[in-house]
Amino acid sequence: MKLIASSFFLLLFALTTSNVVISGERTVVNKSGENVTGLMVAPAGTNSWNSVYQGSFTNGQKMSFNYDEASGNCVVNVKFINGNGKEYLLENIDLCASSEIVLTTTESTNVESIDVPVIKR
């Protein structure tokens, strides 16, 4: 009985002292220098975007959304849209290791600025 109780408390201690966040609320901090009008999350390597915020989210403001990690997709891509309609992409964000996402345009890719050559035949 002592072994079971000791094992239980050791497991409980390990779970409460680790930095792993499986499910729950995630905080998003807008440090992009612009207003954000949309925020989407997709498992990394997919195009399965889920909208987690629509509206005006000003520079410096924080917002929260719930992320339930039932399918094992801790690593996600985050897409946000500024007030002018430009889309930015933050890749490979580990939501199980951190509960905060910081939106910046310097660390993201401007999705709209990708040049695709036009081939005329």
N, C-alpha and C. Protein backbone atom coordinates (compact mmCIF):
# COMPACT_ATOMS: atom_id res chain seq x y z
N MET A 1 0.82 -1.19 0.00
CA MET A 1 0.00 0.00 0.00
C MET A 1 0.87 1.26 0.00
N LYS A 2 1.96 1.23 0.77
CA LYS A 2 2.86 2.39 0.80
C LYS A 2 3.48 2.62 -0.57
N LEU A 3 3.79 1.54 -1.29
CA LEU A 3 4.38 1.67 -2.62
C LEU A 3 3.40 2.33 -3.58
N ILE A 4 2.13 1.97 -3.52
CA ILE A 4 1.11 2.56 -4.39
C ILE A 4 0.94 4.04 -4.06
N ALA A 5 0.87 4.37 -2.77
CA ALA A 5 0.71 5.77 -2.36
C ALA A 5 1.93 6.59 -2.78
N SER A 6 3.12 6.04 -2.59
CA SER A 6 4.34 6.75 -2.99
C SER A 6 4.38 6.96 -4.50
N SER A 7 3.99 5.95 -5.26
CA SER A 7 3.97 6.06 -6.72
C SER A 7 2.99 7.13 -7.17
N PHE A 8 1.82 7.16 -6.54
CA PHE A 8 0.80 8.14 -6.89
C PHE A 8 1.32 9.56 -6.65
N PHE A 9 1.92 9.81 -5.49
CA PHE A 9 2.42 11.15 -5.18
C PHE A 9 3.60 11.53 -6.07
N LEU A 10 4.43 10.58 -6.42
CA LEU A 10 5.54 10.85 -7.34
C LEU A 10 5.01 11.23 -8.72
N LEU A 11 4.01 10.51 -9.21
CA LEU A 11 3.39 10.82 -10.50
C LEU A 11 2.73 12.19 -10.45
N LEU A 12 2.00 12.47 -9.40
CA LEU A 12 1.34 13.77 -9.24
C LEU A 12 2.37 14.89 -9.21
N PHE A 13 3.47 14.70 -8.50
CA PHE A 13 4.53 15.71 -8.45
C PHE A 13 5.13 15.93 -9.83
N ALA A 14 5.39 14.85 -10.55
CA ALA A 14 5.98 14.96 -11.89
C ALA A 14 5.06 15.71 -12.84
N LEU A 15 3.78 15.46 -12.77
CA LEU A 15 2.82 16.12 -13.66
C LEU A 15 2.66 17.60 -13.32
N THR A 16 2.70 17.94 -12.06
CA THR A 16 2.46 19.34 -11.67
C THR A 16 3.70 20.20 -11.81
N THR A 17 4.90 19.60 -11.86
CA THR A 17 6.11 20.41 -11.97
C THR A 17 6.64 20.49 -13.39
N SER A 18 6.08 19.74 -14.32
CA SER A 18 6.56 19.81 -15.70
C SER A 18 5.93 21.00 -16.40
N ASN A 19 6.54 21.43 -17.51
CA ASN A 19 6.04 22.57 -18.27
C ASN A 19 5.11 22.15 -19.39
N VAL A 20 4.75 20.91 -19.48
CA VAL A 20 3.91 20.44 -20.57
C VAL A 20 2.47 20.84 -20.32
N VAL A 21 1.87 21.48 -21.30
CA VAL A 21 0.48 21.91 -21.24
C VAL A 21 -0.27 21.12 -22.31
N ILE A 22 -1.22 20.29 -21.92
CA ILE A 22 -1.91 19.47 -22.91
C ILE A 22 -3.17 20.17 -23.41
N SER A 23 -4.08 20.49 -22.55
CA SER A 23 -5.32 21.12 -22.96
C SER A 23 -5.56 22.36 -22.13
N GLY A 24 -6.39 23.24 -22.67
CA GLY A 24 -6.76 24.41 -21.89
C GLY A 24 -6.56 25.70 -22.65
N GLU A 25 -6.51 26.76 -21.89
CA GLU A 25 -6.48 28.09 -22.46
C GLU A 25 -5.07 28.47 -22.92
N ARG A 26 -5.00 29.07 -24.10
CA ARG A 26 -3.75 29.60 -24.63
C ARG A 26 -3.91 31.11 -24.76
N THR A 27 -2.87 31.85 -24.44
CA THR A 27 -2.88 33.30 -24.52
C THR A 27 -2.13 33.72 -25.77
N VAL A 28 -2.70 34.68 -26.48
CA VAL A 28 -2.07 35.24 -27.68
C VAL A 28 -1.80 36.71 -27.39
N VAL A 29 -0.54 37.12 -27.61
CA VAL A 29 -0.14 38.51 -27.39
C VAL A 29 0.19 39.11 -28.75
N ASN A 30 -0.49 40.20 -29.08
CA ASN A 30 -0.26 40.86 -30.36
C ASN A 30 0.89 41.85 -30.22
N LYS A 31 2.05 41.48 -30.74
CA LYS A 31 3.21 42.38 -30.78
C LYS A 31 3.63 42.60 -32.23
N SER A 32 2.65 42.54 -33.12
CA SER A 32 2.93 42.68 -34.55
C SER A 32 3.08 44.13 -34.99
N GLY A 33 2.63 45.07 -34.16
CA GLY A 33 2.66 46.47 -34.54
C GLY A 33 1.45 46.87 -35.36
N GLU A 34 0.53 45.95 -35.56
CA GLU A 34 -0.66 46.18 -36.39
C GLU A 34 -1.89 45.59 -35.70
N ASN A 35 -3.06 46.01 -36.16
CA ASN A 35 -4.29 45.38 -35.69
C ASN A 35 -4.42 44.01 -36.35
N VAL A 36 -4.89 43.04 -35.59
CA VAL A 36 -5.13 41.70 -36.12
C VAL A 36 -6.63 41.52 -36.20
N THR A 37 -7.11 41.04 -37.35
CA THR A 37 -8.55 40.86 -37.55
C THR A 37 -8.95 39.40 -37.65
N GLY A 38 -8.00 38.50 -37.65
CA GLY A 38 -8.31 37.08 -37.69
C GLY A 38 -7.14 36.25 -37.23
N LEU A 39 -7.42 35.13 -36.58
CA LEU A 39 -6.39 34.23 -36.08
C LEU A 39 -6.85 32.81 -36.31
N MET A 40 -5.99 32.01 -36.96
CA MET A 40 -6.32 30.63 -37.28
C MET A 40 -5.18 29.71 -36.85
N VAL A 41 -5.51 28.48 -36.50
CA VAL A 41 -4.53 27.48 -36.09
C VAL A 41 -4.77 26.22 -36.90
N ALA A 42 -3.66 25.57 -37.33
CA ALA A 42 -3.74 24.30 -38.06
C ALA A 42 -2.60 23.41 -37.58
N PRO A 43 -2.83 22.11 -37.48
CA PRO A 43 -1.71 21.22 -37.17
C PRO A 43 -0.60 21.42 -38.20
N ALA A 44 0.65 21.46 -37.75
CA ALA A 44 1.78 21.66 -38.67
C ALA A 44 1.75 20.61 -39.76
N GLY A 45 2.02 21.05 -40.98
CA GLY A 45 2.04 20.14 -42.12
C GLY A 45 0.70 19.92 -42.76
N THR A 46 -0.34 20.64 -42.29
CA THR A 46 -1.68 20.49 -42.88
C THR A 46 -2.21 21.86 -43.29
N ASN A 47 -3.33 21.85 -43.98
CA ASN A 47 -4.06 23.07 -44.32
C ASN A 47 -5.43 23.07 -43.66
N SER A 48 -5.55 22.40 -42.53
CA SER A 48 -6.82 22.29 -41.81
C SER A 48 -6.96 23.44 -40.82
N TRP A 49 -7.20 24.64 -41.35
CA TRP A 49 -7.25 25.84 -40.51
C TRP A 49 -8.52 25.90 -39.70
N ASN A 50 -8.39 26.19 -38.42
CA ASN A 50 -9.51 26.41 -37.51
C ASN A 50 -9.45 27.85 -37.03
N SER A 51 -10.49 28.61 -37.28
CA SER A 51 -10.54 29.99 -36.84
C SER A 51 -10.73 30.02 -35.32
N VAL A 52 -9.84 30.72 -34.62
CA VAL A 52 -9.96 30.83 -33.17
C VAL A 52 -10.30 32.25 -32.74
N TYR A 53 -10.23 33.21 -33.70
CA TYR A 53 -10.59 34.58 -33.36
C TYR A 53 -10.93 35.35 -34.62
N GLN A 54 -12.01 36.12 -34.55
CA GLN A 54 -12.38 37.06 -35.61
C GLN A 54 -12.83 38.34 -34.93
N GLY A 55 -12.36 39.45 -35.42
CA GLY A 55 -12.67 40.74 -34.82
C GLY A 55 -11.42 41.60 -34.82
N SER A 56 -11.43 42.70 -34.10
CA SER A 56 -10.29 43.60 -34.05
C SER A 56 -9.50 43.35 -32.77
N PHE A 57 -8.23 43.09 -32.93
CA PHE A 57 -7.34 42.73 -31.84
C PHE A 57 -6.12 43.64 -31.98
N THR A 58 -6.07 44.71 -31.18
CA THR A 58 -5.08 45.77 -31.38
C THR A 58 -3.69 45.39 -30.91
N ASN A 59 -2.70 46.12 -31.40
CA ASN A 59 -1.32 45.90 -31.01
C ASN A 59 -1.18 46.07 -29.50
N GLY A 60 -0.48 45.14 -28.85
CA GLY A 60 -0.29 45.18 -27.41
C GLY A 60 -1.36 44.46 -26.63
N GLN A 61 -2.46 44.13 -27.27
CA GLN A 61 -3.57 43.48 -26.60
C GLN A 61 -3.34 41.97 -26.50
N LYS A 62 -3.92 41.36 -25.45
CA LYS A 62 -3.89 39.92 -25.27
C LYS A 62 -5.29 39.37 -25.47
N MET A 63 -5.35 38.14 -25.96
CA MET A 63 -6.62 37.43 -26.04
C MET A 63 -6.35 35.97 -25.73
N SER A 64 -7.39 35.21 -25.49
CA SER A 64 -7.24 33.80 -25.15
C SER A 64 -8.16 32.95 -25.99
N PHE A 65 -7.76 31.70 -26.19
CA PHE A 65 -8.62 30.71 -26.82
C PHE A 65 -8.31 29.35 -26.19
N ASN A 66 -9.26 28.45 -26.27
CA ASN A 66 -9.07 27.10 -25.74
C ASN A 66 -8.54 26.20 -26.83
N TYR A 67 -7.55 25.40 -26.46
CA TYR A 67 -6.99 24.42 -27.39
C TYR A 67 -7.01 23.07 -26.69
N ASP A 68 -7.79 22.15 -27.22
CA ASP A 68 -7.89 20.82 -26.65
C ASP A 68 -7.04 19.87 -27.47
N GLU A 69 -6.02 19.36 -26.87
CA GLU A 69 -5.08 18.49 -27.57
C GLU A 69 -5.47 17.02 -27.39
N ALA A 70 -6.53 16.61 -28.09
CA ALA A 70 -6.98 15.23 -28.00
C ALA A 70 -6.36 14.36 -29.07
N SER A 71 -5.93 14.95 -30.18
CA SER A 71 -5.44 14.15 -31.30
C SER A 71 -3.92 14.03 -31.35
N GLY A 72 -3.21 14.62 -30.41
CA GLY A 72 -1.76 14.52 -30.40
C GLY A 72 -1.05 15.54 -31.27
N ASN A 73 -1.74 16.59 -31.70
CA ASN A 73 -1.14 17.63 -32.54
C ASN A 73 -0.70 18.80 -31.69
N CYS A 74 0.44 18.67 -31.04
CA CYS A 74 0.95 19.78 -30.22
C CYS A 74 1.56 20.87 -31.08
N VAL A 75 2.19 20.49 -32.17
CA VAL A 75 2.89 21.46 -33.01
C VAL A 75 1.94 21.96 -34.09
N VAL A 76 1.74 23.27 -34.09
CA VAL A 76 0.77 23.88 -35.00
C VAL A 76 1.40 25.03 -35.77
N ASN A 77 0.75 25.44 -36.82
CA ASN A 77 1.04 26.68 -37.53
C ASN A 77 -0.05 27.66 -37.15
N VAL A 78 0.33 28.92 -37.02
CA VAL A 78 -0.61 29.97 -36.64
C VAL A 78 -0.62 31.00 -37.76
N LYS A 79 -1.80 31.31 -38.27
CA LYS A 79 -1.95 32.32 -39.31
C LYS A 79 -2.75 33.48 -38.72
N PHE A 80 -2.24 34.69 -38.93
CA PHE A 80 -3.03 35.85 -38.51
C PHE A 80 -3.10 36.86 -39.64
N ILE A 81 -4.17 37.64 -39.61
CA ILE A 81 -4.47 38.60 -40.68
C ILE A 81 -4.49 39.99 -40.07
N ASN A 82 -3.80 40.94 -40.73
CA ASN A 82 -3.80 42.31 -40.21
C ASN A 82 -5.00 43.07 -40.77
N GLY A 83 -5.15 44.32 -40.35
CA GLY A 83 -6.28 45.14 -40.76
C GLY A 83 -6.33 45.44 -42.25
N ASN A 84 -5.20 45.32 -42.96
CA ASN A 84 -5.15 45.54 -44.41
C ASN A 84 -5.36 44.26 -45.21
N GLY A 85 -5.60 43.15 -44.51
CA GLY A 85 -5.84 41.88 -45.21
C GLY A 85 -4.59 41.05 -45.47
N LYS A 86 -3.42 41.51 -45.03
CA LYS A 86 -2.20 40.71 -45.20
C LYS A 86 -2.22 39.55 -44.22
N GLU A 87 -1.82 38.39 -44.70
CA GLU A 87 -1.77 37.20 -43.87
C GLU A 87 -0.32 36.89 -43.49
N TYR A 88 -0.11 36.54 -42.24
CA TYR A 88 1.20 36.18 -41.73
C TYR A 88 1.13 34.78 -41.14
N LEU A 89 2.23 34.05 -41.24
CA LEU A 89 2.27 32.66 -40.80
C LEU A 89 3.42 32.45 -39.82
N LEU A 90 3.09 31.92 -38.65
CA LEU A 90 4.09 31.48 -37.67
C LEU A 90 4.07 29.95 -37.71
N GLU A 91 5.22 29.34 -37.96
CA GLU A 91 5.26 27.90 -38.16
C GLU A 91 5.85 27.18 -36.95
N ASN A 92 5.36 25.96 -36.76
CA ASN A 92 5.88 25.01 -35.77
C ASN A 92 5.88 25.56 -34.34
N ILE A 93 4.73 26.03 -33.91
CA ILE A 93 4.54 26.50 -32.54
C ILE A 93 4.09 25.30 -31.70
N ASP A 94 4.81 25.00 -30.63
CA ASP A 94 4.48 23.85 -29.78
C ASP A 94 3.54 24.30 -28.66
N LEU A 95 2.25 24.02 -28.81
CA LEU A 95 1.25 24.44 -27.83
C LEU A 95 1.27 23.58 -26.58
N CYS A 96 1.92 22.43 -26.62
CA CYS A 96 2.02 21.60 -25.42
C CYS A 96 3.18 22.04 -24.53
N ALA A 97 4.13 22.76 -25.07
CA ALA A 97 5.27 23.23 -24.29
C ALA A 97 5.05 24.63 -23.75
N SER A 98 4.13 25.38 -24.34
CA SER A 98 3.90 26.75 -23.93
C SER A 98 2.42 27.09 -24.04
N SER A 99 1.96 27.95 -23.17
CA SER A 99 0.56 28.37 -23.23
C SER A 99 0.42 29.78 -23.80
N GLU A 100 1.52 30.35 -24.34
CA GLU A 100 1.47 31.70 -24.88
C GLU A 100 2.06 31.74 -26.29
N ILE A 101 1.37 32.46 -27.17
CA ILE A 101 1.83 32.69 -28.53
C ILE A 101 2.00 34.19 -28.70
N VAL A 102 3.15 34.61 -29.21
CA VAL A 102 3.40 36.03 -29.44
C VAL A 102 3.38 36.27 -30.95
N LEU A 103 2.47 37.14 -31.39
CA LEU A 103 2.36 37.45 -32.81
C LEU A 103 3.32 38.58 -33.15
N THR A 104 4.26 38.30 -34.04
CA THR A 104 5.17 39.32 -34.54
C THR A 104 5.29 39.15 -36.05
N THR A 105 5.49 40.24 -36.73
CA THR A 105 5.65 40.16 -38.19
C THR A 105 7.10 39.88 -38.55
N THR A 106 8.04 40.10 -37.63
CA THR A 106 9.45 39.85 -37.94
C THR A 106 9.79 38.37 -37.93
N GLU A 107 9.06 37.57 -37.16
CA GLU A 107 9.32 36.14 -37.09
C GLU A 107 8.37 35.33 -37.94
N SER A 108 7.51 36.00 -38.67
CA SER A 108 6.51 35.29 -39.46
C SER A 108 6.75 35.52 -40.94
N THR A 109 6.06 34.75 -41.73
CA THR A 109 6.14 34.87 -43.17
C THR A 109 4.91 35.61 -43.66
N ASN A 110 5.11 36.63 -44.47
CA ASN A 110 3.98 37.33 -45.07
C ASN A 110 3.49 36.45 -46.22
N VAL A 111 2.36 35.81 -46.03
CA VAL A 111 1.85 34.86 -47.00
C VAL A 111 1.52 35.52 -48.32
N GLU A 112 1.02 36.75 -48.28
CA GLU A 112 0.64 37.44 -49.52
C GLU A 112 1.83 37.86 -50.37
N SER A 113 3.00 37.98 -49.76
CA SER A 113 4.14 38.50 -50.51
C SER A 113 4.90 37.42 -51.27
N ILE A 114 4.42 36.20 -51.24
CA ILE A 114 5.09 35.14 -51.98
C ILE A 114 4.86 35.36 -53.47
N ASP A 115 5.95 35.54 -54.23
CA ASP A 115 5.85 35.78 -55.66
C ASP A 115 5.81 34.45 -56.42
N VAL A 116 4.81 34.32 -57.24
CA VAL A 116 4.68 33.13 -58.09
C VAL A 116 4.88 33.59 -59.53
N PRO A 117 5.90 33.05 -60.20
CA PRO A 117 6.15 33.49 -61.57
C PRO A 117 5.01 33.08 -62.50
N VAL A 118 4.70 33.97 -63.43
CA VAL A 118 3.66 33.68 -64.43
C VAL A 118 4.36 33.24 -65.71
N ILE A 119 4.01 32.08 -66.16
CA ILE A 119 4.60 31.54 -67.38
C ILE A 119 3.61 31.73 -68.53
N LYS A 120 4.01 32.48 -69.53
CA LYS A 120 3.14 32.72 -70.68
C LYS A 120 3.57 31.79 -71.80
N ARG A 121 2.61 31.19 -72.42
CA ARG A 121 2.90 30.28 -73.54
C ARG A 121 2.30 30.79 -74.79
